Structure formats: C-alpha cells, structure tokens
C-alpha cells in the first residue's frame, strides 16, 4: 500500500491525498494507457491480485488513508472530481450535474447533486453527507482520527437546499484547491449508527456499508479476498462486470505465477525487476510501466533521541547514496528512474527544482564529521555513540516487498560505513500502515506518497505541525505559514514558487529524505478491455465501470 497525500493520495495520507506502469512477451514505458477497445460482453468476473489488504474502509482517517483502502472505496463513496491519467481533474458527471464557484468574496461553491444519486439502502445522497464529512474533518472534534483537515478547516458553512440536492459551501478564507476536497463522501446516516462511528465504525462488516458508486461489497474474508458486486441501484452508468474479486497476495513475487495460472486477471504491484520481466514474457497479457505522482522516501521520527538532532539527520542524508539505491532497485527495470530532489514537485513537472543535490551522495567523510560535530564519538566496533548511547535506530518498511527489502539492506550497509547501526524491523503492510505509522512506532520509515494534481494542498498535512500524515511529528512554523499562503494563492507561478520555498525549508530541517519518483506497473489479461493506468492516487480504479470482458 502507498500512503495518500491528502488534503491531505498518501498514497499517497485521500482526496487531496498524497494516499500511495504490449502484448505477450512485450511491454513498454508510457503506453497509450487506453486499455484496448472493442465490443464489451456484459457480465463476468475480474480477479485482481491485491498486494495489500485494507486496514478499514474510511479513507478519510489517517489509519485508512492508503491505496489498499481507496482502491476499494472509490467504487462506493462518491467524489465531486476525479484525477485523470494526464493529471487534470474532471467533474464526476455520474454524481453531479454541476460544481461551480459562484462568488469570490466570500468564496462560495455550489454543488448540484443528481436527483437519482442515492445510497444502495435507498437513502438519497444529500447535503447531509457533505456536511457530515466537513464536520468530521475540520479539526474541531478533538478525538477524531482525520487524515487531513486541509480545506475543511477553512470552510465557514455547508448548507443544503432543494431537498438536500443543492450544497452551498462558503469559505472563511480563499482555498484555491477546492476541487480536491469532499473526496470519499460517506453515508452519514450509516456511519453515525455504527459503534465507533467516524473513527472505527467502518472497520468491520463492509458488506453492510451502503454504496453510492458502481459497486458494493458483497463478501469479505480477512486474509483471503474481498468481492465487489455490481450495484444495480447505482444511478449512473451500470458497470459491465458482475464482480471484481480482490485476492490478497502480499508476496508480490507470486503475482506472475497467479497470472500465468489464470488465478488472477489483473495486477498493479509495486514493480520489482524479476516480476516485470516474468510478466512481460507471458502470452496474451498487456503490460506497461509508467511514471506519475508517486515518490519513495524515508521518514524520520523526530521523537527518537538520536533523530531529534538535526546534525544526525543531516549526517544520515549525507551518508545515504541515493544513486546506488536507484541503480540497484527501480533502474533495473526503467532507465528513466533518477534521484528526486523535491517533495512538493516531482521530476518531470515544470515547477520542479532540485533542493537536495548536496545530500544523498554517499559522502562518508562529511557524514562522520557531522556526527562528531553533534558530540558523537566512534566506538571500537565502528559505531558512533553519545553519552553511552549507541547510534542505533530501526529501519521499517512493508515486509514481502522485495524492492524495499533490498533498499533497506543497501541503506543498512551505507549507514554502517558512517558508523550508524541500522536494525531492520519490517512488518506486514496492514500493521505498518494501520498501526505503526499512525502511532509513531518507527525510527526511520520507508514508504511512498501518492500524490494528486493538487500538489500544495495534498502535501500540507504531510508536513504541517500536527498534520494527519505527519507521522514523524516534524514541526516548522515557517512551513505552516508558507502552506497557508500557497493554498490561498491563485497565481500558478506564485504558487509554484511558494511550493519550492516549502521544500527548501523541509530540506533545511531534514524532515525526510526524498529518494525517487516511483514507477507504476500494470498488467491485465487480453480478454479484458477498458483498463488503463492512472498514475495518481486513484490508480486504474477510477473508472471500473468501463472494465469488461471482450466480446467473443
């Protein structure tokens, strides 16, 4: 699972989340992502190999703000706008008749919900659902687990009219990325009736959760599979498929064999060299490698007694050889892979500036000098210590992900060279994302953020003081203030510059280590059509209604 950078994919933290790519023996980079064309046969089942299991079903909480959840709930919980493969956004005309800004002062947005939009239990989708999401996400309820308050905390009011089918949202302060919130709209009447309500009310019995999308959960067997069945009460275009089965295969190395043996029809794993090569060799399978809005990084926990020291974090960043990590991992299957020098704007985006170039070169002499400046002395075993405490920290990532496990071992060796002891402590993805990260149970964490087209707002709660995606508890008033300015800025050039100032300060504080923009890898059996990659937080699941079996 990737974390979503929401506003907070993510994914990458889900809306403005930062959450979390040829035929038979072929494959390419940056294909046309059309998913094929031709007549579609109604009905049938597509089996998808999911490499992570959902942590719950409320994508708006920090616990569930990941792609393993979003790629299920996006079929159930509506959102006004969807991210597109070209990184634009498009209004969901299956859900809304219109969504328009009707006033600048105060900023006012009016949403017109389709009259036939309803939950699968017969309850109309209404302004009550918009209002509920705002009230739960705006930061005023102390004990709420919220992935991101961004945007919601700037709203003055949410009011309904026209029997709840018109929603009027008035902002206290301007919010440029208004199209990026109200994602994952929940059935308010159902959530409030559940034990645990917002925080945990959607953790269990997903078969009972009402859907206002093209699919509804039919069956869930923990550790095995989840089945989505076509929602025949959906007011929009009905899905072609009868069902989509998410088969949980956490060992991504097993996915090519599952594809070859016809156990699954579609895979979207985090790419690994052997996996990519094996899939490209399969007959009657289309595959693509693409680059989008996902980036790999290391998170520092500022509460760790060693990592709370800026010079220690700088030493680790200086001693890390990012090019070696790239060469030994993602560059094995894509020569486009390169080190990343920015967290807000990614390689290939016109706003991108490299602010990390002085770090990540594997400079052991400079790294050890920083440690000695911080008062550390090298022991007989080659490991630095201060006040009798060895400089030993845990490195944690998702167990079973061979690429990340390799990355961790390389990092461990690089750190040994500068006198830092790394203890590898990996865990399954459900526990890593659902428990360890939200509870701060890590020292250095390795995962990916999945972005959206709303770069500023989707990053805010990843780096803001107290933000839902700020797992390492980084705090900077300057960064908080810059985000505030940037989110109100409507001039694109000025917004880009503010985003770069934010990243420069994050680098100065060494809150995280950006590694590289991460490729996606997608493959599907040629008997299916309508599948295409979307290298944003929404992934290829943004238009499952179009998926179908090719007509014979």
Protein backbone atom coordinates (compact mmCIF):
# COMPACT_ATOMS: atom_id res chain seq x y z
CA UNK A 1 0.00 0.00 0.00
CA UNK A 2 1.09 3.52 -0.67
CA UNK A 3 0.14 6.36 1.60
CA UNK A 4 -2.03 9.03 0.08
CA UNK A 5 -1.14 12.67 0.35
CA UNK A 6 -4.49 14.11 1.22
CA UNK A 7 -5.97 17.36 1.59
CA UNK A 8 -4.46 15.52 2.85
CA UNK A 9 -3.18 10.02 -2.36
CA UNK A 10 -0.92 9.14 0.57
CA UNK A 11 -0.97 7.40 -1.14
CA UNK A 12 -0.45 8.95 -1.14
CA UNK A 13 -2.43 10.45 3.56
CA UNK A 14 -7.33 10.56 0.10
CA UNK A 15 -8.86 13.44 -1.66
CA UNK A 16 -6.06 15.84 -1.97
CA UNK A 17 -4.24 12.88 -0.62
CA UNK A 18 -0.89 12.40 -1.29
CA UNK A 19 -2.62 8.20 -0.49
CA UNK A 20 0.11 5.70 -2.45
CA UNK A 21 3.21 1.28 -15.46
CA UNK A 22 2.25 -4.72 -25.10
CA UNK A 23 1.11 -7.90 -25.51
CA UNK A 24 2.52 -11.40 -24.98
CA UNK A 25 6.22 -11.10 -24.40
CA UNK A 26 6.05 -7.35 -24.90
CA UNK A 27 5.55 -4.24 -22.87
CA UNK A 28 6.67 -0.66 -22.92
CA UNK A 29 7.01 2.54 -20.97
CA UNK A 30 4.36 5.21 -21.12
CA UNK A 31 1.99 3.35 -23.39
CA UNK A 32 -1.25 4.80 -24.63
CA UNK A 33 -2.98 3.55 -21.46
CA UNK A 34 -6.16 3.04 -23.45
CA UNK A 35 -6.86 -0.41 -22.07
CA UNK A 36 -7.86 -1.63 -25.51
CA UNK A 37 -11.08 -1.11 -27.35
CA UNK A 38 -13.84 -3.08 -28.96
CA UNK A 39 -17.18 -4.58 -28.10
CA UNK A 40 -17.78 -5.46 -24.46
CA UNK A 41 -19.56 -8.55 -23.24
CA UNK A 42 -21.80 -7.85 -20.25
CA UNK A 43 -21.19 -9.79 -17.04
CA UNK A 44 -18.28 -11.85 -15.80
CA UNK A 45 -15.72 -11.51 -13.01
CA UNK A 46 -12.28 -9.93 -12.97
CA UNK A 47 -9.81 -11.24 -10.39
CA UNK A 48 -7.33 -8.64 -9.14
CA UNK A 49 -4.14 -9.51 -7.22
CA UNK A 50 -4.05 -7.04 -4.33
CA UNK A 51 -0.69 -6.91 -2.62
CA UNK A 52 -2.17 -5.32 0.48
CA UNK A 53 -5.32 -5.83 2.49
CA UNK A 54 -7.48 -2.87 3.56
CA UNK A 55 -6.91 -1.54 7.08
CA UNK A 56 -10.55 -0.41 7.28
CA UNK A 57 -12.96 1.42 4.99
CA UNK A 58 -12.92 5.10 5.98
CA UNK A 59 -10.34 6.56 3.62
CA UNK A 60 -10.65 9.92 5.42
CA UNK A 61 -8.85 8.69 8.56
CA UNK A 62 -5.08 8.55 8.91
CA UNK A 63 -5.38 4.85 9.69
CA UNK A 64 -7.13 4.06 6.41
CA UNK A 65 -5.57 6.73 4.23
CA UNK A 66 -3.87 4.40 1.81
CA UNK A 67 -4.33 2.93 -1.62
CA UNK A 68 -5.35 -0.50 -0.30
CA UNK A 69 -8.48 1.20 1.05
CA UNK A 70 -9.04 3.86 -1.63
CA UNK A 71 -8.89 1.36 -4.48
CA UNK A 72 -11.90 -0.37 -2.95
CA UNK A 73 -13.90 2.57 -1.60
CA UNK A 74 -13.52 4.66 -4.76
CA UNK A 75 -16.11 2.26 -6.19
CA UNK A 76 -18.53 3.06 -3.34
CA UNK A 77 -18.05 6.58 -1.98
CA UNK A 78 -18.55 9.42 -4.49
CA UNK A 79 -16.27 12.41 -5.02
CA UNK A 80 -17.05 15.58 -6.97
CA UNK A 81 -13.89 15.41 -9.07
CA UNK A 82 -11.62 12.61 -10.25
CA UNK A 83 -7.91 12.78 -11.05
CA UNK A 84 -7.23 11.80 -14.66
CA UNK A 85 -4.24 9.96 -16.20
CA UNK A 86 -2.98 13.28 -17.63
CA UNK A 87 -3.04 14.78 -14.09
CA UNK A 88 -6.01 17.04 -14.82
CA UNK A 89 -9.24 16.77 -12.84
CA UNK A 90 -12.71 16.08 -14.18
CA UNK A 91 -16.09 16.51 -12.52
CA UNK A 92 -17.92 13.23 -11.92
CA UNK A 93 -20.98 13.72 -14.12
CA UNK A 94 -22.42 10.43 -12.85
CA UNK A 95 -22.71 12.06 -9.41
CA UNK A 96 -23.13 15.79 -10.03
CA UNK A 97 -24.96 17.99 -12.50
CA UNK A 98 -22.57 20.85 -11.73
CA UNK A 99 -19.95 22.18 -9.31
CA UNK A 100 -19.19 25.88 -9.64
CA UNK A 101 -17.68 28.79 -7.78
CA UNK A 102 -20.45 31.37 -7.62
CA UNK A 103 -18.69 34.06 -5.55
CA UNK A 104 -15.13 35.13 -4.78
CA UNK A 105 -15.85 37.12 -1.62
CA UNK A 106 -16.70 35.13 0.30
CA UNK A 107 -15.57 32.19 -1.81
CA UNK A 108 -18.71 30.14 -2.42
CA UNK A 109 -19.00 26.79 -4.16
CA UNK A 110 -22.35 25.30 -5.19
CA UNK A 111 -22.68 21.58 -5.92
CA UNK A 112 -25.78 20.20 -7.67
CA UNK A 113 -26.19 16.51 -6.80
CA UNK A 114 -28.03 14.39 -9.35
CA UNK A 115 -31.61 13.74 -8.31
CA UNK A 116 -31.20 9.98 -8.70
CA UNK A 117 -27.96 9.76 -6.67
CA UNK A 118 -28.70 7.50 -3.72
CA UNK A 119 -27.08 5.02 -1.39
CA UNK A 120 -27.75 1.35 -2.04
CA UNK A 121 -30.04 1.21 1.01
CA UNK A 122 -32.35 3.71 -0.69
CA UNK A 123 -31.27 6.83 1.23
CA UNK A 124 -30.65 9.80 -1.11
CA UNK A 125 -27.13 11.21 -1.27
CA UNK A 126 -27.61 14.71 0.05
CA UNK A 127 -26.10 17.82 1.59
CA UNK A 128 -26.19 15.96 4.91
CA UNK A 129 -23.39 13.73 3.65
CA UNK A 130 -21.28 16.72 2.55
CA UNK A 131 -21.90 18.44 5.87
CA UNK A 132 -21.00 15.32 7.84
CA UNK A 133 -17.66 14.97 6.05
CA UNK A 134 -16.88 18.63 6.71
CA UNK A 135 -17.82 18.46 10.40
CA UNK A 136 -15.76 15.34 10.98
CA UNK A 137 -12.73 16.56 9.01
CA UNK A 138 -12.36 20.21 10.01
CA UNK A 139 -10.33 19.57 13.16
CA UNK A 140 -12.88 20.76 15.71
CA UNK A 141 -13.65 17.28 17.10
CA UNK A 142 -10.73 16.56 19.41
CA UNK A 143 -10.59 12.77 19.31
CA UNK A 144 -11.33 12.31 15.61
CA UNK A 145 -8.73 10.47 13.54
CA UNK A 146 -8.52 12.68 10.45
CA UNK A 147 -6.15 12.13 7.55
CA UNK A 148 -6.31 15.79 6.59
CA UNK A 149 -8.10 18.93 7.74
CA UNK A 150 -6.80 20.88 4.75
CA UNK A 151 -9.56 22.87 3.07
CA UNK A 152 -12.17 21.69 5.53
CA UNK A 153 -10.70 23.90 8.26
CA UNK A 154 -11.20 26.93 6.00
CA UNK A 155 -14.94 26.40 5.50
CA UNK A 156 -17.43 28.66 7.26
CA UNK A 157 -20.60 26.72 6.44
CA UNK A 158 -22.12 23.85 4.46
CA UNK A 159 -25.84 24.23 3.77
CA UNK A 160 -28.37 22.21 1.81
CA UNK A 161 -31.40 23.24 -0.24
CA UNK A 162 -33.61 21.71 -2.95
CA UNK A 163 -34.37 18.73 -0.68
CA UNK A 164 -30.67 18.35 0.01
CA UNK A 165 -29.68 18.08 -3.64
CA UNK A 166 -28.02 21.52 -3.73
CA UNK A 167 -24.99 22.02 -1.48
CA UNK A 168 -23.64 25.50 -0.81
CA UNK A 169 -20.17 25.73 0.71
CA UNK A 170 -18.90 29.09 1.99
CA UNK A 171 -15.21 29.54 2.85
CA UNK A 172 -13.81 31.75 5.61
CA UNK A 173 -10.56 32.21 3.68
CA UNK A 174 -9.83 31.52 -0.01
CA UNK A 175 -8.94 27.93 -0.91
CA UNK A 176 -7.59 27.51 -4.43
CA UNK A 177 -7.78 23.70 -4.47
CA UNK A 178 -11.48 23.44 -3.66
CA UNK A 179 -11.91 20.75 -6.33
CA UNK A 180 -9.72 18.44 -4.29
CA UNK A 181 -11.87 18.03 -1.17
CA UNK A 182 -15.12 16.23 -0.34
CA UNK A 183 -13.50 13.07 -1.64
CA UNK A 184 -14.76 9.81 -0.22
CA UNK A 185 -18.19 11.14 0.77
CA UNK A 186 -19.59 8.76 3.38
CA UNK A 187 -23.19 7.65 4.08
CA UNK A 188 -23.59 9.84 7.17
CA UNK A 189 -26.74 8.08 8.38
CA UNK A 190 -24.98 4.71 8.37
CA UNK A 191 -21.66 5.77 9.91
CA UNK A 192 -23.40 7.51 12.82
CA UNK A 193 -25.43 4.37 13.53
CA UNK A 194 -22.32 2.22 13.90
CA UNK A 195 -20.34 1.53 17.09
CA UNK A 196 -17.17 3.60 16.85
CA UNK A 197 -18.80 5.92 14.32
CA UNK A 198 -16.27 8.00 12.36
CA UNK A 199 -13.06 6.52 13.76
CA UNK A 200 -13.80 2.79 13.62
CA UNK A 201 -17.43 2.37 12.54
CA UNK A 202 -16.40 1.24 9.06
CA UNK A 203 -13.70 -1.19 10.21
CA UNK A 204 -15.92 -4.26 10.14
CA UNK A 205 -18.77 -5.77 8.13
CA UNK A 206 -18.10 -3.89 4.89
CA UNK A 207 -20.89 -5.93 3.29
CA UNK A 208 -23.34 -3.74 5.21
CA UNK A 209 -21.85 -0.40 4.10
CA UNK A 210 -24.21 1.41 1.68
CA UNK A 211 -22.65 2.34 -1.66
CA UNK A 212 -23.41 5.23 -3.98
CA UNK A 213 -20.97 4.00 -6.61
CA UNK A 214 -20.94 1.34 -9.32
CA UNK A 215 -20.05 -1.50 -6.91
CA UNK A 216 -20.92 -2.66 -3.41
CA UNK A 217 -19.01 -5.03 -1.13
CA UNK A 218 -20.58 -8.47 -1.43
CA UNK A 219 -18.15 -10.53 0.63
CA UNK A 220 -15.01 -10.06 2.68
CA UNK A 221 -12.89 -12.85 4.13
CA UNK A 222 -9.94 -11.40 6.02
CA UNK A 223 -6.63 -12.71 4.77
CA UNK A 224 -8.15 -14.13 1.61
CA UNK A 225 -10.30 -11.91 -0.57
CA UNK A 226 -12.89 -9.16 -0.94
CA UNK A 227 -15.59 -9.24 -3.61
CA UNK A 228 -17.24 -6.18 -5.12
CA UNK A 229 -20.56 -6.86 -6.85
CA UNK A 230 -22.23 -4.56 -9.36
CA UNK A 231 -24.51 -2.08 -7.59
CA UNK A 232 -27.73 -2.36 -9.58
CA UNK A 233 -29.15 0.58 -7.61
CA UNK A 234 -26.42 2.92 -8.85
CA UNK A 235 -27.95 5.92 -10.60
CA UNK A 236 -25.15 6.28 -13.14
CA UNK A 237 -23.96 4.02 -15.93
CA UNK A 238 -24.04 0.43 -14.72
CA UNK A 239 -20.78 -1.49 -14.57
CA UNK A 240 -20.07 -4.04 -17.31
CA UNK A 241 -18.70 -6.64 -14.91
CA UNK A 242 -20.78 -8.62 -12.44
CA UNK A 243 -17.98 -8.54 -9.89
CA UNK A 244 -14.36 -7.71 -9.10
CA UNK A 245 -12.55 -10.03 -6.68
CA UNK A 246 -9.57 -8.60 -4.77
CA UNK A 247 -7.39 -11.61 -3.99
CA UNK A 248 -4.85 -10.77 -1.30
CA UNK A 249 -1.38 -11.83 -2.47
CA UNK A 250 1.01 -9.88 -0.21
CA UNK A 251 4.09 -11.59 -1.68
CA UNK A 252 4.28 -9.68 -4.94
CA UNK A 253 6.66 -12.31 -6.32
CA UNK A 254 3.71 -14.74 -6.52
CA UNK A 255 1.71 -12.50 -8.85
CA UNK A 256 3.26 -13.52 -12.22
CA UNK A 257 2.55 -17.19 -11.44
CA UNK A 258 -1.00 -16.33 -10.43
CA UNK A 259 -1.40 -14.52 -13.75
CA UNK A 260 0.09 -17.41 -15.69
CA UNK A 261 -2.17 -19.93 -13.93
CA UNK A 262 -5.31 -17.86 -14.63
CA UNK A 263 -5.86 -17.30 -10.90
CA UNK A 264 -5.90 -13.53 -11.47
CA UNK A 265 -6.58 -11.34 -14.50
CA UNK A 266 -5.11 -8.03 -13.42
CA UNK A 267 -2.12 -6.94 -11.34
CA UNK A 268 -0.91 -3.50 -10.24
CA UNK A 269 2.05 -4.27 -7.98
CA UNK A 270 4.91 -2.11 -6.89
CA UNK A 271 7.32 -3.14 -9.65
CA UNK A 272 10.22 -5.49 -8.98
CA UNK A 273 12.78 -6.48 -11.61
CA UNK A 274 12.05 -10.21 -11.77
CA UNK A 275 8.30 -9.59 -11.64
CA UNK A 276 8.35 -7.17 -14.57
CA UNK A 277 10.45 -9.49 -16.70
CA UNK A 278 8.28 -12.51 -15.90
CA UNK A 279 5.04 -10.70 -16.72
CA UNK A 280 6.40 -9.30 -19.99
CA UNK A 281 7.14 -12.87 -21.05
CA UNK A 282 3.54 -14.04 -20.55
CA UNK A 283 1.44 -14.56 -23.68
CA UNK A 284 -1.86 -12.70 -24.06
CA UNK A 285 -1.04 -10.20 -21.30
CA UNK A 286 -0.68 -6.44 -21.80
CA UNK A 287 1.71 -4.56 -19.50
CA UNK A 288 3.02 -1.01 -19.07
CA UNK A 289 5.48 0.86 -16.89
CA UNK A 290 4.56 4.49 -16.25
CA UNK A 291 5.74 7.37 -14.07
CA UNK A 292 3.29 9.57 -12.21
CA UNK A 293 2.80 11.25 -8.86
CA UNK A 294 4.24 8.62 -6.53
CA UNK A 295 7.58 9.03 -4.79
CA UNK A 296 9.64 6.87 -2.45
CA UNK A 297 11.15 8.40 0.66
CA UNK A 298 12.48 7.91 4.21
CA UNK A 299 10.56 9.46 7.11
CA UNK A 300 12.43 10.45 10.29
CA UNK A 301 10.72 10.18 13.69
CA UNK A 302 11.62 13.40 15.50
CA UNK A 303 10.76 11.82 18.86
CA UNK A 304 13.71 9.45 18.61
CA UNK A 305 16.53 10.65 20.91
CA UNK A 306 19.09 10.48 18.11
CA UNK A 307 16.98 11.55 15.16
CA UNK A 308 15.70 14.60 17.02
CA UNK A 309 19.16 16.11 16.36
CA UNK A 310 19.34 17.97 13.02
CA UNK A 311 23.01 17.11 12.53
CA UNK A 312 22.27 13.39 12.91
CA UNK A 313 19.53 13.60 10.29
CA UNK A 314 21.86 15.57 8.01
CA UNK A 315 24.61 13.00 8.55
CA UNK A 316 22.28 10.17 7.56
CA UNK A 317 21.15 12.10 4.47
CA UNK A 318 24.78 12.86 3.60
CA UNK A 319 25.89 9.26 4.03
CA UNK A 320 23.00 7.82 2.02
CA UNK A 321 23.92 7.03 -1.57
CA UNK A 322 20.60 7.57 -3.34
CA UNK A 323 22.02 6.86 -6.80
CA UNK A 324 23.08 3.40 -5.58
CA UNK A 325 19.58 2.79 -4.23
CA UNK A 326 18.10 3.82 -7.58
CA UNK A 327 20.58 1.76 -9.61
CA UNK A 328 20.03 -1.38 -7.55
CA UNK A 329 16.25 -1.12 -7.45
CA UNK A 330 13.98 0.81 -9.86
CA UNK A 331 16.60 1.49 -12.53
CA UNK A 332 16.79 -2.25 -13.08
CA UNK A 333 13.51 -2.07 -14.99
CA UNK A 334 13.33 1.57 -16.10
CA UNK A 335 16.23 3.69 -17.27
CA UNK A 336 14.08 6.78 -16.62
CA UNK A 337 14.49 6.34 -12.86
CA UNK A 338 16.62 9.00 -11.18
CA UNK A 339 17.16 10.54 -7.73
CA UNK A 340 14.50 13.01 -6.61
CA UNK A 341 15.39 16.41 -5.18
CA UNK A 342 11.98 17.79 -4.20
CA UNK A 343 8.96 16.59 -2.21
CA UNK A 344 6.33 19.02 -3.49
CA UNK A 345 7.07 18.99 -7.22
CA UNK A 346 8.26 15.75 -8.82
CA UNK A 347 10.74 15.09 -11.62
CA UNK A 348 9.17 15.96 -14.94
CA UNK A 349 6.82 18.60 -13.54
CA UNK A 350 7.64 22.10 -14.85
CA UNK A 351 7.73 23.53 -11.30
CA UNK A 352 10.43 21.07 -10.22
CA UNK A 353 13.66 22.36 -8.65
CA UNK A 354 16.33 20.14 -7.06
CA UNK A 355 16.87 21.22 -3.44
CA UNK A 356 18.53 18.01 -2.28
CA UNK A 357 21.56 17.88 -4.57
CA UNK A 358 24.12 18.44 -1.81
CA UNK A 359 22.86 15.35 0.01
CA UNK A 360 22.43 11.71 -0.94
CA UNK A 361 25.91 11.29 -2.48
CA UNK A 362 27.23 8.71 -0.03
CA UNK A 363 29.87 11.09 1.37
CA UNK A 364 31.10 9.14 4.41
CA UNK A 365 33.73 11.71 5.46
CA UNK A 366 31.25 14.58 5.51
CA UNK A 367 28.67 12.41 7.32
CA UNK A 368 31.03 11.38 10.10
CA UNK A 369 32.18 14.99 10.50
CA UNK A 370 28.56 16.00 11.14
CA UNK A 371 28.16 13.25 13.74
CA UNK A 372 31.31 14.39 15.53
CA UNK A 373 30.06 17.99 15.46
CA UNK A 374 26.94 16.68 17.20
CA UNK A 375 29.08 15.24 20.01
CA UNK A 376 29.24 11.61 18.90
CA UNK A 377 32.41 9.53 19.18
CA UNK A 378 33.21 6.33 17.30
CA UNK A 379 33.45 3.15 19.35
CA UNK A 380 35.76 0.20 18.85
CA UNK A 381 33.01 -1.52 16.85
CA UNK A 382 32.89 1.37 14.39
CA UNK A 383 29.52 2.64 15.62
CA UNK A 384 29.14 6.15 16.97
CA UNK A 385 27.74 6.82 20.44
CA UNK A 386 26.90 9.79 22.63
CA UNK A 387 26.58 9.73 26.39
CA UNK A 388 26.90 5.97 26.36
CA UNK A 389 24.02 5.52 23.88
CA UNK A 390 24.93 3.86 20.61
CA UNK A 391 23.63 5.49 17.47
CA UNK A 392 21.35 2.59 16.67
CA UNK A 393 17.93 3.10 15.04
CA UNK A 394 15.30 0.92 13.42
CA UNK A 395 14.53 0.91 9.71
CA UNK A 396 10.99 -0.23 8.94
CA UNK A 397 9.05 -0.90 5.76
CA UNK A 398 6.49 -3.34 4.35
CA UNK A 399 7.57 -6.97 4.68
CA UNK A 400 7.33 -9.02 1.50
CA UNK A 401 8.13 -6.09 -0.81
CA UNK A 402 11.43 -7.35 -2.24
CA UNK A 403 12.41 -3.99 -3.72
CA UNK A 404 12.02 -2.25 -0.36
CA UNK A 405 13.71 -5.09 1.48
CA UNK A 406 16.67 -4.73 -0.87
CA UNK A 407 16.58 -0.98 -0.36
CA UNK A 408 16.68 -1.47 3.40
CA UNK A 409 19.68 -3.78 3.20
CA UNK A 410 21.58 -1.34 0.98
CA UNK A 411 20.75 1.53 3.34
CA UNK A 412 21.89 -0.57 6.30
CA UNK A 413 25.28 -1.13 4.63
CA UNK A 414 25.61 2.56 3.72
CA UNK A 415 24.91 3.58 7.30
CA UNK A 416 27.41 1.08 8.70
CA UNK A 417 30.04 2.85 6.60
CA UNK A 418 29.38 6.10 8.51
CA UNK A 419 29.09 4.49 11.93
CA UNK A 420 25.30 4.30 12.25
CA UNK A 421 23.78 0.97 13.28
CA UNK A 422 20.54 0.14 11.47
CA UNK A 423 18.27 -2.58 12.85
CA UNK A 424 15.81 -3.75 10.18
CA UNK A 425 12.32 -4.20 11.65
CA UNK A 426 9.81 -4.83 8.87
CA UNK A 427 6.18 -5.81 9.32
CA UNK A 428 3.18 -6.68 7.17
CA UNK A 429 1.58 -3.74 5.38
CA UNK A 430 -1.66 -3.80 7.36
CA UNK A 431 0.16 -3.34 10.64
CA UNK A 432 2.75 -0.96 9.17
CA UNK A 433 0.19 1.47 7.74
CA UNK A 434 -2.69 0.80 10.14
CA UNK A 435 -0.75 0.83 13.42
CA UNK A 436 2.95 1.60 13.30
CA UNK A 437 2.91 4.81 11.24
CA UNK A 438 -0.18 6.45 12.83
CA UNK A 439 1.13 5.64 16.32
CA UNK A 440 4.68 6.80 15.64
CA UNK A 441 6.08 3.30 16.19
CA UNK A 442 9.14 3.69 13.96
CA UNK A 443 12.52 5.43 13.78
CA UNK A 444 13.10 5.59 10.02
CA UNK A 445 10.17 4.50 7.85
CA UNK A 446 10.35 3.74 4.14
CA UNK A 447 7.17 4.05 2.08
CA UNK A 448 5.73 6.02 -0.82
CA UNK A 449 3.45 9.02 -1.01
CA UNK A 450 0.92 9.00 -3.84
CA UNK A 451 0.01 12.48 -4.97
CA UNK A 452 -2.86 14.22 -6.69
CA UNK A 453 -2.94 17.11 -9.19
CA UNK A 454 -3.29 19.41 -6.13
CA UNK A 455 0.37 19.43 -5.10
CA UNK A 456 0.22 22.17 -2.45
CA UNK A 457 -2.89 21.16 -0.57
CA UNK A 458 -2.24 17.43 -0.86
CA UNK A 459 1.13 17.89 0.87
CA UNK A 460 0.03 20.20 3.64
CA UNK A 461 -0.97 17.63 6.24
CA UNK A 462 2.11 15.56 5.50
CA UNK A 463 4.38 18.36 6.74
CA UNK A 464 2.11 20.65 8.77
CA UNK A 465 2.54 20.66 12.54
CA UNK A 466 0.09 18.08 13.86
CA UNK A 467 -0.98 17.00 10.37
CA UNK A 468 -2.61 13.60 9.94
CA UNK A 469 0.14 12.40 7.60
CA UNK A 470 2.97 13.94 9.63
CA UNK A 471 3.90 10.65 11.25
CA UNK A 472 7.37 11.80 12.33
CA UNK A 473 5.98 14.83 14.21
CA UNK A 474 8.01 17.38 12.30
CA UNK A 475 7.13 20.98 13.25
CA UNK A 476 8.02 24.23 11.49
CA UNK A 477 6.08 27.47 11.83
CA UNK A 478 7.70 28.72 8.63
CA UNK A 479 6.46 25.70 6.68
CA UNK A 480 2.99 26.03 8.22
CA UNK A 481 2.82 29.70 7.24
CA UNK A 482 4.08 29.06 3.70
CA UNK A 483 1.45 26.39 3.17
CA UNK A 484 -1.20 28.87 4.33
CA UNK A 485 -0.01 31.41 1.77
CA UNK A 486 0.28 28.88 -1.02
CA UNK A 487 -3.20 27.44 -0.54
CA UNK A 488 -4.78 30.85 -0.96
CA UNK A 489 -2.63 31.73 -3.99
CA UNK A 490 -4.44 31.52 -7.33
CA UNK A 491 -1.49 32.62 -9.48
CA UNK A 492 0.22 29.42 -10.71
CA UNK A 493 3.73 30.86 -10.87
CA UNK A 494 3.47 32.32 -7.37
CA UNK A 495 2.05 29.06 -6.06
CA UNK A 496 4.91 27.10 -7.66
CA UNK A 497 7.48 29.39 -6.06
CA UNK A 498 5.86 29.03 -2.62
CA UNK A 499 5.88 25.26 -3.06
CA UNK A 500 9.60 25.37 -3.76
CA UNK A 501 10.19 27.56 -0.72
CA UNK A 502 8.35 24.99 1.37
CA UNK A 503 10.56 22.19 0.06
CA UNK A 504 13.72 24.22 0.65
CA UNK A 505 12.75 24.64 4.30
CA UNK A 506 11.88 20.95 4.68
CA UNK A 507 15.35 20.15 3.33
CA UNK A 508 16.96 22.68 5.69
CA UNK A 509 15.20 20.91 8.56
CA UNK A 510 15.88 17.47 7.01
CA UNK A 511 12.40 16.23 7.85
CA UNK A 512 12.52 13.45 5.25
CA UNK A 513 14.82 12.04 2.59
CA UNK A 514 13.25 12.01 -0.90
CA UNK A 515 14.55 9.09 -2.95
CA UNK A 516 12.98 8.83 -6.42
CA UNK A 517 9.77 9.13 -8.38
CA UNK A 518 8.35 5.64 -8.33
CA UNK A 519 7.12 3.91 -11.48
CA UNK A 520 3.82 2.07 -11.68
CA UNK A 521 3.48 -1.32 -13.35
CA UNK A 522 0.16 -2.52 -14.67
CA UNK A 523 -0.74 -5.75 -16.47
CA UNK A 524 -4.01 -7.34 -17.50
CA UNK A 525 -5.21 -10.33 -19.46
CA UNK A 526 -6.09 -9.51 -23.05
CA UNK A 527 -9.58 -10.97 -22.66
CA UNK A 528 -10.47 -7.79 -20.76
CA UNK A 529 -10.86 -4.24 -22.03
CA UNK A 530 -11.40 -0.75 -20.61
CA UNK A 531 -8.48 -0.95 -18.15
CA UNK A 532 -5.96 1.92 -18.19
CA UNK A 533 -3.35 3.21 -15.81
CA UNK A 534 -3.84 6.38 -13.82
CA UNK A 535 -0.56 7.16 -12.05
CA UNK A 536 -2.24 9.38 -9.45
CA UNK A 537 -3.68 8.36 -6.08
CA UNK A 538 -6.79 6.97 -7.79
CA UNK A 539 -4.88 4.39 -9.80
CA UNK A 540 -6.65 2.42 -12.56
CA UNK A 541 -9.67 2.02 -10.26
CA UNK A 542 -11.01 5.48 -11.16
CA UNK A 543 -13.24 4.03 -13.89
CA UNK A 544 -14.05 0.41 -13.05
CA UNK A 545 -17.47 0.76 -14.69
CA UNK A 546 -15.69 0.70 -18.05
CA UNK A 547 -13.89 -2.56 -17.35
CA UNK A 548 -15.34 -5.57 -19.12
CA UNK A 549 -14.76 -8.80 -20.94
CA UNK A 550 -14.15 -8.53 -24.65
CA UNK A 551 -16.99 -9.84 -26.72
CA UNK A 552 -16.14 -13.09 -28.45
